[in-house]
Amino acid sequence: MTEQSYLDGNMLDGPLREVFAMDVSAATGRCASCGATGPMAGLRVYSHAPGLVARCPACAEVMLRLVRGPDRAWLDLRGTTFLQVPLPPDPLPR
């Protein structure tokens, strides 16, 4: 691997904006604890904590945490092994 075999992380801005500018409830996630896979809309969300805690409906382990401050948000997906996000078809082949 050479010094120029990677790109600066700023390159992720466009692709990640495309992913996070959608309805995440339509995404599919897999629980890191039990392996259950299902729509994010099926998670059990608890809002009486400092933020939102979303638990797996199969095993009740935490899959997602979201805390919102006045000028920023923290998203923790540690309990999720993947998040599959549906995207519109890519108009240009890569």
PDB file of N, CA and C in Angstrom:
ATOM      1  N   MET A   1       0.851  -1.173   0.000  1.00  0.00           N
ATOM      2  CA  MET A   1       0.000   0.000   0.000  1.00  0.00           C
ATOM      3  C   MET A   1       0.895   1.234   0.000  1.00  0.00           C
ATOM      4  N   THR A   2       0.581   2.166  -0.861  1.00  0.00           N
ATOM      5  CA  THR A   2       1.370   3.391  -0.948  1.00  0.00           C
ATOM      6  C   THR A   2       0.646   4.518  -0.250  1.00  0.00           C
ATOM      7  N   GLU A   3       1.353   5.599  -0.067  1.00  0.00           N
ATOM      8  CA  GLU A   3       0.776   6.774   0.580  1.00  0.00           C
ATOM      9  C   GLU A   3      -0.488   7.263  -0.119  1.00  0.00           C
ATOM     10  N   GLN A   4      -0.558   7.119  -1.439  1.00  0.00           N
ATOM     11  CA  GLN A   4      -1.677   7.661  -2.183  1.00  0.00           C
ATOM     12  C   GLN A   4      -2.734   6.616  -2.518  1.00  0.00           C
ATOM     13  N   SER A   5      -2.758   5.508  -1.792  1.00  0.00           N
ATOM     14  CA  SER A   5      -3.753   4.477  -2.075  1.00  0.00           C
ATOM     15  C   SER A   5      -5.058   4.703  -1.324  1.00  0.00           C
ATOM     16  N   TYR A   6      -5.159   5.787  -0.598  1.00  0.00           N
ATOM     17  CA  TYR A   6      -6.398   6.087   0.115  1.00  0.00           C
ATOM     18  C   TYR A   6      -6.841   7.513  -0.159  1.00  0.00           C
ATOM     19  N   LEU A   7      -8.111   7.777   0.116  1.00  0.00           N
ATOM     20  CA  LEU A   7      -8.663   9.123  -0.046  1.00  0.00           C
ATOM     21  C   LEU A   7      -8.941   9.712   1.320  1.00  0.00           C
ATOM     22  N   ASP A   8      -8.981  11.014   1.391  1.00  0.00           N
ATOM     23  CA  ASP A   8      -9.325  11.722   2.613  1.00  0.00           C
ATOM     24  C   ASP A   8     -10.757  11.404   3.018  1.00  0.00           C
ATOM     25  N   GLY A   9     -11.037  11.323   4.305  1.00  0.00           N
ATOM     26  CA  GLY A   9     -12.367  11.005   4.808  1.00  0.00           C
ATOM     27  C   GLY A   9     -13.444  11.976   4.377  1.00  0.00           C
ATOM     28  N   ASN A  10     -13.065  13.187   3.957  1.00  0.00           N
ATOM     29  CA  ASN A  10     -14.054  14.141   3.456  1.00  0.00           C
ATOM     30  C   ASN A  10     -14.776  13.608   2.232  1.00  0.00           C
ATOM     31  N   MET A  11     -14.184  12.636   1.566  1.00  0.00           N
ATOM     32  CA  MET A  11     -14.777  12.034   0.380  1.00  0.00           C
ATOM     33  C   MET A  11     -16.090  11.319   0.726  1.00  0.00           C
ATOM     34  N   LEU A  12     -16.264  10.956   1.985  1.00  0.00           N
ATOM     35  CA  LEU A  12     -17.472  10.236   2.418  1.00  0.00           C
ATOM     36  C   LEU A  12     -18.698  11.132   2.537  1.00  0.00           C
ATOM     37  N   ASP A  13     -18.507  12.430   2.519  1.00  0.00           N
ATOM     38  CA  ASP A  13     -19.623  13.353   2.735  1.00  0.00           C
ATOM     39  C   ASP A  13     -20.784  13.099   1.785  1.00  0.00           C
ATOM     40  N   GLY A  14     -20.537  13.054   0.507  1.00  0.00           N
ATOM     41  CA  GLY A  14     -21.606  12.841  -0.473  1.00  0.00           C
ATOM     42  C   GLY A  14     -22.281  11.489  -0.330  1.00  0.00           C
ATOM     43  N   PRO A  15     -21.516  10.379  -0.341  1.00  0.00           N
ATOM     44  CA  PRO A  15     -22.148   9.067  -0.202  1.00  0.00           C
ATOM     45  C   PRO A  15     -22.918   8.893   1.104  1.00  0.00           C
ATOM     46  N   LEU A  16     -22.387   9.391   2.229  1.00  0.00           N
ATOM     47  CA  LEU A  16     -23.106   9.244   3.494  1.00  0.00           C
ATOM     48  C   LEU A  16     -24.330  10.148   3.555  1.00  0.00           C
ATOM     49  N   ARG A  17     -24.262  11.294   2.922  1.00  0.00           N
ATOM     50  CA  ARG A  17     -25.425  12.180   2.870  1.00  0.00           C
ATOM     51  C   ARG A  17     -26.554  11.496   2.120  1.00  0.00           C
ATOM     52  N   GLU A  18     -26.202  10.750   1.077  1.00  0.00           N
ATOM     53  CA  GLU A  18     -27.192  10.006   0.305  1.00  0.00           C
ATOM     54  C   GLU A  18     -27.853   8.928   1.180  1.00  0.00           C
ATOM     55  N   VAL A  19     -27.073   8.285   2.032  1.00  0.00           N
ATOM     56  CA  VAL A  19     -27.590   7.220   2.886  1.00  0.00           C
ATOM     57  C   VAL A  19     -28.439   7.776   4.017  1.00  0.00           C
ATOM     58  N   PHE A  20     -27.968   8.821   4.708  1.00  0.00           N
ATOM     59  CA  PHE A  20     -28.670   9.322   5.877  1.00  0.00           C
ATOM     60  C   PHE A  20     -29.786  10.307   5.560  1.00  0.00           C
ATOM     61  N   ALA A  21     -29.999  10.645   4.305  1.00  0.00           N
ATOM     62  CA  ALA A  21     -31.088  11.535   3.936  1.00  0.00           C
ATOM     63  C   ALA A  21     -32.287  10.709   3.494  1.00  0.00           C
ATOM     64  N   MET A  22     -32.633   9.703   4.295  1.00  0.00           N
ATOM     65  CA  MET A  22     -33.749   8.833   3.955  1.00  0.00           C
ATOM     66  C   MET A  22     -34.459   8.392   5.230  1.00  0.00           C
ATOM     67  N   ASP A  23     -35.561   7.736   5.053  1.00  0.00           N
ATOM     68  CA  ASP A  23     -36.342   7.235   6.168  1.00  0.00           C
ATOM     69  C   ASP A  23     -35.697   5.960   6.687  1.00  0.00           C
ATOM     70  N   VAL A  24     -35.015   6.032   7.824  1.00  0.00           N
ATOM     71  CA  VAL A  24     -34.275   4.894   8.359  1.00  0.00           C
ATOM     72  C   VAL A  24     -35.211   3.770   8.812  1.00  0.00           C
ATOM     73  N   SER A  25     -36.472   4.066   9.057  1.00  0.00           N
ATOM     74  CA  SER A  25     -37.403   3.000   9.457  1.00  0.00           C
ATOM     75  C   SER A  25     -37.575   1.968   8.347  1.00  0.00           C
ATOM     76  N   ALA A  26     -37.238   2.331   7.113  1.00  0.00           N
ATOM     77  CA  ALA A  26     -37.316   1.390   5.987  1.00  0.00           C
ATOM     78  C   ALA A  26     -36.072   0.515   5.887  1.00  0.00           C
ATOM     79  N   ALA A  27     -35.022   0.839   6.650  1.00  0.00           N
ATOM     80  CA  ALA A  27     -33.786   0.065   6.616  1.00  0.00           C
ATOM     81  C   ALA A  27     -33.954  -1.237   7.388  1.00  0.00           C
ATOM     82  N   THR A  28     -33.105  -2.194   7.079  1.00  0.00           N
ATOM     83  CA  THR A  28     -33.084  -3.484   7.762  1.00  0.00           C
ATOM     84  C   THR A  28     -31.811  -3.569   8.578  1.00  0.00           C
ATOM     85  N   GLY A  29     -31.926  -4.064   9.804  1.00  0.00           N
ATOM     86  CA  GLY A  29     -30.754  -4.217  10.662  1.00  0.00           C
ATOM     87  C   GLY A  29     -30.676  -5.612  11.245  1.00  0.00           C
ATOM     88  N   ARG A  30     -29.463  -6.001  11.640  1.00  0.00           N
ATOM     89  CA  ARG A  30     -29.261  -7.298  12.297  1.00  0.00           C
ATOM     90  C   ARG A  30     -28.737  -7.069  13.701  1.00  0.00           C
ATOM     91  N   CYS A  31     -29.359  -7.735  14.662  1.00  0.00           N
ATOM     92  CA  CYS A  31     -28.965  -7.633  16.061  1.00  0.00           C
ATOM     93  C   CYS A  31     -27.614  -8.312  16.263  1.00  0.00           C
ATOM     94  N   ALA A  32     -26.674  -7.613  16.898  1.00  0.00           N
ATOM     95  CA  ALA A  32     -25.357  -8.173  17.174  1.00  0.00           C
ATOM     96  C   ALA A  32     -25.420  -9.261  18.232  1.00  0.00           C
ATOM     97  N   SER A  33     -26.458  -9.275  19.033  1.00  0.00           N
ATOM     98  CA  SER A  33     -26.569 -10.251  20.117  1.00  0.00           C
ATOM     99  C   SER A  33     -27.162 -11.582  19.665  1.00  0.00           C
ATOM    100  N   CYS A  34     -28.333 -11.538  19.031  1.00  0.00           N
ATOM    101  CA  CYS A  34     -29.026 -12.788  18.690  1.00  0.00           C
ATOM    102  C   CYS A  34     -29.055 -13.088  17.197  1.00  0.00           C
ATOM    103  N   GLY A  35     -28.681 -12.112  16.358  1.00  0.00           N
ATOM    104  CA  GLY A  35     -28.657 -12.325  14.917  1.00  0.00           C
ATOM    105  C   GLY A  35     -29.990 -12.117  14.223  1.00  0.00           C
ATOM    106  N   ALA A  36     -31.022 -11.722  14.961  1.00  0.00           N
ATOM    107  CA  ALA A  36     -32.331 -11.468  14.337  1.00  0.00           C
ATOM    108  C   ALA A  36     -32.206 -10.305  13.363  1.00  0.00           C
ATOM    109  N   THR A  37     -32.834 -10.433  12.220  1.00  0.00           N
ATOM    110  CA  THR A  37     -32.811  -9.400  11.193  1.00  0.00           C
ATOM    111  C   THR A  37     -34.230  -8.924  10.948  1.00  0.00           C
ATOM    112  N   GLY A  38     -34.409  -7.608  10.858  1.00  0.00           N
ATOM    113  CA  GLY A  38     -35.732  -7.065  10.602  1.00  0.00           C
ATOM    114  C   GLY A  38     -35.681  -5.575  10.371  1.00  0.00           C
ATOM    115  N   PRO A  39     -36.829  -5.002  10.064  1.00  0.00           N
ATOM    116  CA  PRO A  39     -36.882  -3.557   9.800  1.00  0.00           C
ATOM    117  C   PRO A  39     -36.624  -2.759  11.075  1.00  0.00           C
ATOM    118  N   MET A  40     -35.974  -1.635  10.920  1.00  0.00           N
ATOM    119  CA  MET A  40     -35.713  -0.759  12.062  1.00  0.00           C
ATOM    120  C   MET A  40     -37.028  -0.284  12.679  1.00  0.00           C
ATOM    121  N   ALA A  41     -38.077  -0.219  11.877  1.00  0.00           N
ATOM    122  CA  ALA A  41     -39.390   0.179  12.397  1.00  0.00           C
ATOM    123  C   ALA A  41     -39.922  -0.846  13.399  1.00  0.00           C
ATOM    124  N   GLY A  42     -39.397  -2.052  13.402  1.00  0.00           N
ATOM    125  CA  GLY A  42     -39.841  -3.091  14.319  1.00  0.00           C
ATOM    126  C   GLY A  42     -39.139  -3.080  15.664  1.00  0.00           C
ATOM    127  N   LEU A  43     -38.124  -2.212  15.842  1.00  0.00           N
ATOM    128  CA  LEU A  43     -37.426  -2.138  17.123  1.00  0.00           C
ATOM    129  C   LEU A  43     -38.341  -1.575  18.197  1.00  0.00           C
ATOM    130  N   ARG A  44     -38.064  -1.919  19.432  1.00  0.00           N
ATOM    131  CA  ARG A  44     -38.805  -1.367  20.576  1.00  0.00           C
ATOM    132  C   ARG A  44     -38.019  -0.168  21.096  1.00  0.00           C
ATOM    133  N   VAL A  45     -38.596   1.006  20.983  1.00  0.00           N
ATOM    134  CA  VAL A  45     -37.898   2.249  21.314  1.00  0.00           C
ATOM    135  C   VAL A  45     -38.384   2.773  22.655  1.00  0.00           C
ATOM    136  N   TYR A  46     -37.414   3.073  23.509  1.00  0.00           N
ATOM    137  CA  TYR A  46     -37.695   3.628  24.832  1.00  0.00           C
ATOM    138  C   TYR A  46     -37.196   5.065  24.850  1.00  0.00           C
ATOM    139  N   SER A  47     -38.086   5.979  25.201  1.00  0.00           N
ATOM    140  CA  SER A  47     -37.741   7.403  25.145  1.00  0.00           C
ATOM    141  C   SER A  47     -37.624   8.042  26.521  1.00  0.00           C
ATOM    142  N   HIS A  48     -37.704   7.264  27.592  1.00  0.00           N
ATOM    143  CA  HIS A  48     -37.633   7.853  28.925  1.00  0.00           C
ATOM    144  C   HIS A  48     -36.201   7.900  29.466  1.00  0.00           C
ATOM    145  N   ALA A  49     -35.229   7.695  28.623  1.00  0.00           N
ATOM    146  CA  ALA A  49     -33.812   7.835  28.988  1.00  0.00           C
ATOM    147  C   ALA A  49     -33.331   9.187  28.461  1.00  0.00           C
ATOM    148  N   PRO A  50     -32.092   9.558  28.749  1.00  0.00           N
ATOM    149  CA  PRO A  50     -31.574  10.771  28.113  1.00  0.00           C
ATOM    150  C   PRO A  50     -31.291  10.485  26.642  1.00  0.00           C
ATOM    151  N   GLY A  51     -32.304  10.448  25.853  1.00  0.00           N
ATOM    152  CA  GLY A  51     -32.205  10.119  24.441  1.00  0.00           C
ATOM    153  C   GLY A  51     -33.123   8.954  24.127  1.00  0.00           C
ATOM    154  N   LEU A  52     -32.901   8.331  22.974  1.00  0.00           N
ATOM    155  CA  LEU A  52     -33.716   7.202  22.543  1.00  0.00           C
ATOM    156  C   LEU A  52     -32.876   5.932  22.585  1.00  0.00           C
ATOM    157  N   VAL A  53     -33.459   4.861  23.091  1.00  0.00           N
ATOM    158  CA  VAL A  53     -32.804   3.558  23.131  1.00  0.00           C
ATOM    159  C   VAL A  53     -33.708   2.589  22.387  1.00  0.00           C
ATOM    160  N   ALA A  54     -33.161   1.931  21.346  1.00  0.00           N
ATOM    161  CA  ALA A  54     -33.945   0.988  20.549  1.00  0.00           C
ATOM    162  C   ALA A  54     -33.428  -0.425  20.813  1.00  0.00           C
ATOM    163  N   ARG A  55     -34.352  -1.314  21.194  1.00  0.00           N
ATOM    164  CA  ARG A  55     -33.990  -2.687  21.544  1.00  0.00           C
ATOM    165  C   ARG A  55     -34.537  -3.677  20.528  1.00  0.00           C
ATOM    166  N   CYS A  56     -33.835  -4.782  20.391  1.00  0.00           N
ATOM    167  CA  CYS A  56     -34.237  -5.867  19.501  1.00  0.00           C
ATOM    168  C   CYS A  56     -35.546  -6.468  20.002  1.00  0.00           C
ATOM    169  N   PRO A  57     -36.522  -6.676  19.141  1.00  0.00           N
ATOM    170  CA  PRO A  57     -37.783  -7.268  19.580  1.00  0.00           C
ATOM    171  C   PRO A  57     -37.650  -8.759  19.919  1.00  0.00           C
ATOM    172  N   ALA A  58     -36.584  -9.399  19.463  1.00  0.00           N
ATOM    173  CA  ALA A  58     -36.403 -10.832  19.726  1.00  0.00           C
ATOM    174  C   ALA A  58     -35.706 -11.110  21.057  1.00  0.00           C
ATOM    175  N   CYS A  59     -34.643 -10.346  21.366  1.00  0.00           N
ATOM    176  CA  CYS A  59     -33.864 -10.644  22.581  1.00  0.00           C
ATOM    177  C   CYS A  59     -33.786  -9.478  23.560  1.00  0.00           C
ATOM    178  N   ALA A  60     -34.284  -8.316  23.202  1.00  0.00           N
ATOM    179  CA  ALA A  60     -34.327  -7.112  24.039  1.00  0.00           C
ATOM    180  C   ALA A  60     -32.966  -6.452  24.263  1.00  0.00           C
ATOM    181  N   GLU A  61     -31.927  -6.867  23.526  1.00  0.00           N
ATOM    182  CA  GLU A  61     -30.633  -6.186  23.642  1.00  0.00           C
ATOM    183  C   GLU A  61     -30.687  -4.852  22.895  1.00  0.00           C
ATOM    184  N   VAL A  62     -29.882  -3.893  23.348  1.00  0.00           N
ATOM    185  CA  VAL A  62     -29.845  -2.568  22.735  1.00  0.00           C
ATOM    186  C   VAL A  62     -29.155  -2.660  21.367  1.00  0.00           C
ATOM    187  N   MET A  63     -29.828  -2.148  20.340  1.00  0.00           N
ATOM    188  CA  MET A  63     -29.264  -2.102  18.990  1.00  0.00           C
ATOM    189  C   MET A  63     -28.856  -0.691  18.586  1.00  0.00           C
ATOM    190  N   LEU A  64     -29.530   0.318  19.130  1.00  0.00           N
ATOM    191  CA  LEU A  64     -29.296   1.690  18.695  1.00  0.00           C
ATOM    192  C   LEU A  64     -29.542   2.635  19.860  1.00  0.00           C
ATOM    193  N   ARG A  65     -28.690   3.657  19.943  1.00  0.00           N
ATOM    194  CA  ARG A  65     -28.876   4.741  20.909  1.00  0.00           C
ATOM    195  C   ARG A  65     -28.742   6.049  20.136  1.00  0.00           C
ATOM    196  N   LEU A  66     -29.636   6.983  20.413  1.00  0.00           N
ATOM    197  CA  LEU A  66     -29.578   8.298  19.780  1.00  0.00           C
ATOM    198  C   LEU A  66     -29.817   9.357  20.836  1.00  0.00           C
ATOM    199  N   VAL A  67     -28.837  10.239  20.984  1.00  0.00           N
ATOM    200  CA  VAL A  67     -28.945  11.341  21.933  1.00  0.00           C
ATOM    201  C   VAL A  67     -28.788  12.624  21.145  1.00  0.00           C
ATOM    202  N   ARG A  68     -29.692  13.552  21.383  1.00  0.00           N
ATOM    203  CA  ARG A  68     -29.692  14.836  20.668  1.00  0.00           C
ATOM    204  C   ARG A  68     -29.370  15.943  21.644  1.00  0.00           C
ATOM    205  N   GLY A  69     -28.384  16.754  21.289  1.00  0.00           N
ATOM    206  CA  GLY A  69     -28.055  17.946  22.055  1.00  0.00           C
ATOM    207  C   GLY A  69     -28.555  19.163  21.311  1.00  0.00           C
ATOM    208  N   PRO A  70     -28.301  20.349  21.845  1.00  0.00           N
ATOM    209  CA  PRO A  70     -28.783  21.568  21.189  1.00  0.00           C
ATOM    210  C   PRO A  70     -28.209  21.764  19.782  1.00  0.00           C
ATOM    211  N   ASP A  71     -26.970  21.315  19.564  1.00  0.00           N
ATOM    212  CA  ASP A  71     -26.347  21.571  18.267  1.00  0.00           C
ATOM    213  C   ASP A  71     -25.665  20.347  17.657  1.00  0.00           C
ATOM    214  N   ARG A  72     -25.941  19.159  18.177  1.00  0.00           N
ATOM    215  CA  ARG A  72     -25.346  17.936  17.624  1.00  0.00           C
ATOM    216  C   ARG A  72     -26.092  16.709  18.102  1.00  0.00           C
ATOM    217  N   ALA A  73     -25.810  15.586  17.482  1.00  0.00           N
ATOM    218  CA  ALA A  73     -26.439  14.322  17.866  1.00  0.00           C
ATOM    219  C   ALA A  73     -25.367  13.241  17.937  1.00  0.00           C
ATOM    220  N   TRP A  74     -25.593  12.241  18.781  1.00  0.00           N
ATOM    221  CA  TRP A  74     -24.720  11.093  18.911  1.00  0.00           C
ATOM    222  C   TRP A  74     -25.529   9.861  18.544  1.00  0.00           C
ATOM    223  N   LEU A  75     -25.016   9.076  17.609  1.00  0.00           N
ATOM    224  CA  LEU A  75     -25.674   7.864  17.159  1.00  0.00           C
ATOM    225  C   LEU A  75     -24.749   6.690  17.451  1.00  0.00           C
ATOM    226  N   ASP A  76     -25.226   5.734  18.226  1.00  0.00           N
ATOM    227  CA  ASP A  76     -24.456   4.548  18.584  1.00  0.00           C
ATOM    228  C   ASP A  76     -25.177   3.326  18.028  1.00  0.00           C
ATOM    229  N   LEU A  77     -24.555   2.644  17.070  1.00  0.00           N
ATOM    230  CA  LEU A  77     -25.118   1.439  16.458  1.00  0.00           C
ATOM    231  C   LEU A  77     -24.328   0.201  16.864  1.00  0.00           C
ATOM    232  N   ARG A  78     -23.674   0.245  18.009  1.00  0.00           N
ATOM    233  CA  ARG A  78     -22.831  -0.853  18.457  1.00  0.00           C
ATOM    234  C   ARG A  78     -23.559  -2.196  18.518  1.00  0.00           C
ATOM    235  N   GLY A  79     -24.845  -2.198  18.808  1.00  0.00           N
ATOM    236  CA  GLY A  79     -25.615  -3.428  18.905  1.00  0.00           C
ATOM    237  C   GLY A  79     -26.175  -3.921  17.586  1.00  0.00           C
ATOM    238  N   THR A  80     -25.766  -3.285  16.502  1.00  0.00           N
ATOM    239  CA  THR A  80     -26.251  -3.630  15.163  1.00  0.00           C
ATOM    240  C   THR A  80     -25.064  -4.066  14.310  1.00  0.00           C
ATOM    241  N   THR A  81     -25.112  -5.281  13.760  1.00  0.00           N
ATOM    242  CA  THR A  81     -23.981  -5.743  12.949  1.00  0.00           C
ATOM    243  C   THR A  81     -23.995  -5.126  11.561  1.00  0.00           C
ATOM    244  N   PHE A  82     -25.185  -4.837  11.024  1.00  0.00           N
ATOM    245  CA  PHE A  82     -25.258  -4.110   9.762  1.00  0.00           C
ATOM    246  C   PHE A  82     -26.575  -3.371   9.688  1.00  0.00           C
ATOM    247  N   LEU A  83     -26.586  -2.361   8.847  1.00  0.00           N
ATOM    248  CA  LEU A  83     -27.789  -1.590   8.548  1.00  0.00           C
ATOM    249  C   LEU A  83     -27.891  -1.541   7.032  1.00  0.00           C
ATOM    250  N   GLN A  84     -28.867  -2.242   6.489  1.00  0.00           N
ATOM    251  CA  GLN A  84     -29.072  -2.278   5.032  1.00  0.00           C
ATOM    252  C   GLN A  84     -30.078  -1.200   4.672  1.00  0.00           C
ATOM    253  N   VAL A  85     -29.647  -0.248   3.855  1.00  0.00           N
ATOM    254  CA  VAL A  85     -30.443   0.926   3.528  1.00  0.00           C
ATOM    255  C   VAL A  85     -30.894   0.857   2.077  1.00  0.00           C
ATOM    256  N   PRO A  86     -32.203   0.857   1.814  1.00  0.00           N
ATOM    257  CA  PRO A  86     -32.659   0.874   0.422  1.00  0.00           C
ATOM    258  C   PRO A  86     -32.384   2.237  -0.204  1.00  0.00           C
ATOM    259  N   LEU A  87     -31.831   2.213  -1.394  1.00  0.00           N
ATOM    260  CA  LEU A  87     -31.532   3.446  -2.130  1.00  0.00           C
ATOM    261  C   LEU A  87     -32.216   3.398  -3.483  1.00  0.00           C
ATOM    262  N   PRO A  88     -32.501   4.555  -4.067  1.00  0.00           N
ATOM    263  CA  PRO A  88     -33.032   4.557  -5.431  1.00  0.00           C
ATOM    264  C   PRO A  88     -31.951   4.035  -6.379  1.00  0.00           C
ATOM    265  N   PRO A  89     -32.341   3.516  -7.524  1.00  0.00           N
ATOM    266  CA  PRO A  89     -31.333   3.016  -8.477  1.00  0.00           C
ATOM    267  C   PRO A  89     -30.334   4.105  -8.839  1.00  0.00           C
ATOM    268  N   ASP A  90     -29.089   3.695  -8.967  1.00  0.00           N
ATOM    269  CA  ASP A  90     -28.009   4.624  -9.341  1.00  0.00           C
ATOM    270  C   ASP A  90     -28.169   4.956 -10.821  1.00  0.00           C
ATOM    271  N   PRO A  91     -28.355   6.240 -11.155  1.00  0.00           N
ATOM    272  CA  PRO A  91     -28.572   6.606 -12.564  1.00  0.00           C
ATOM    273  C   PRO A  91     -27.331   6.413 -13.429  1.00  0.00           C
ATOM    274  N   LEU A  92     -26.164   6.452 -12.822  1.00  0.00           N
ATOM    275  CA  LEU A  92     -24.916   6.312 -13.581  1.00  0.00           C
ATOM    276  C   LEU A  92     -24.186   5.043 -13.149  1.00  0.00           C
ATOM    277  N   PRO A  93     -23.874   4.159 -14.088  1.00  0.00           N
ATOM    278  CA  PRO A  93     -23.095   2.975 -13.729  1.00  0.00           C
ATOM    279  C   PRO A  93     -21.698   3.376 -13.252  1.00  0.00           C
ATOM    280  N   ARG A  94     -21.193   2.639 -12.281  1.00  0.00           N
ATOM    281  CA  ARG A  94     -19.856   2.964 -11.751  1.00  0.00           C
ATOM    282  C   ARG A  94     -18.814   2.092 -12.340  1.00  0.00           C
TER     283      ARG A  94
END
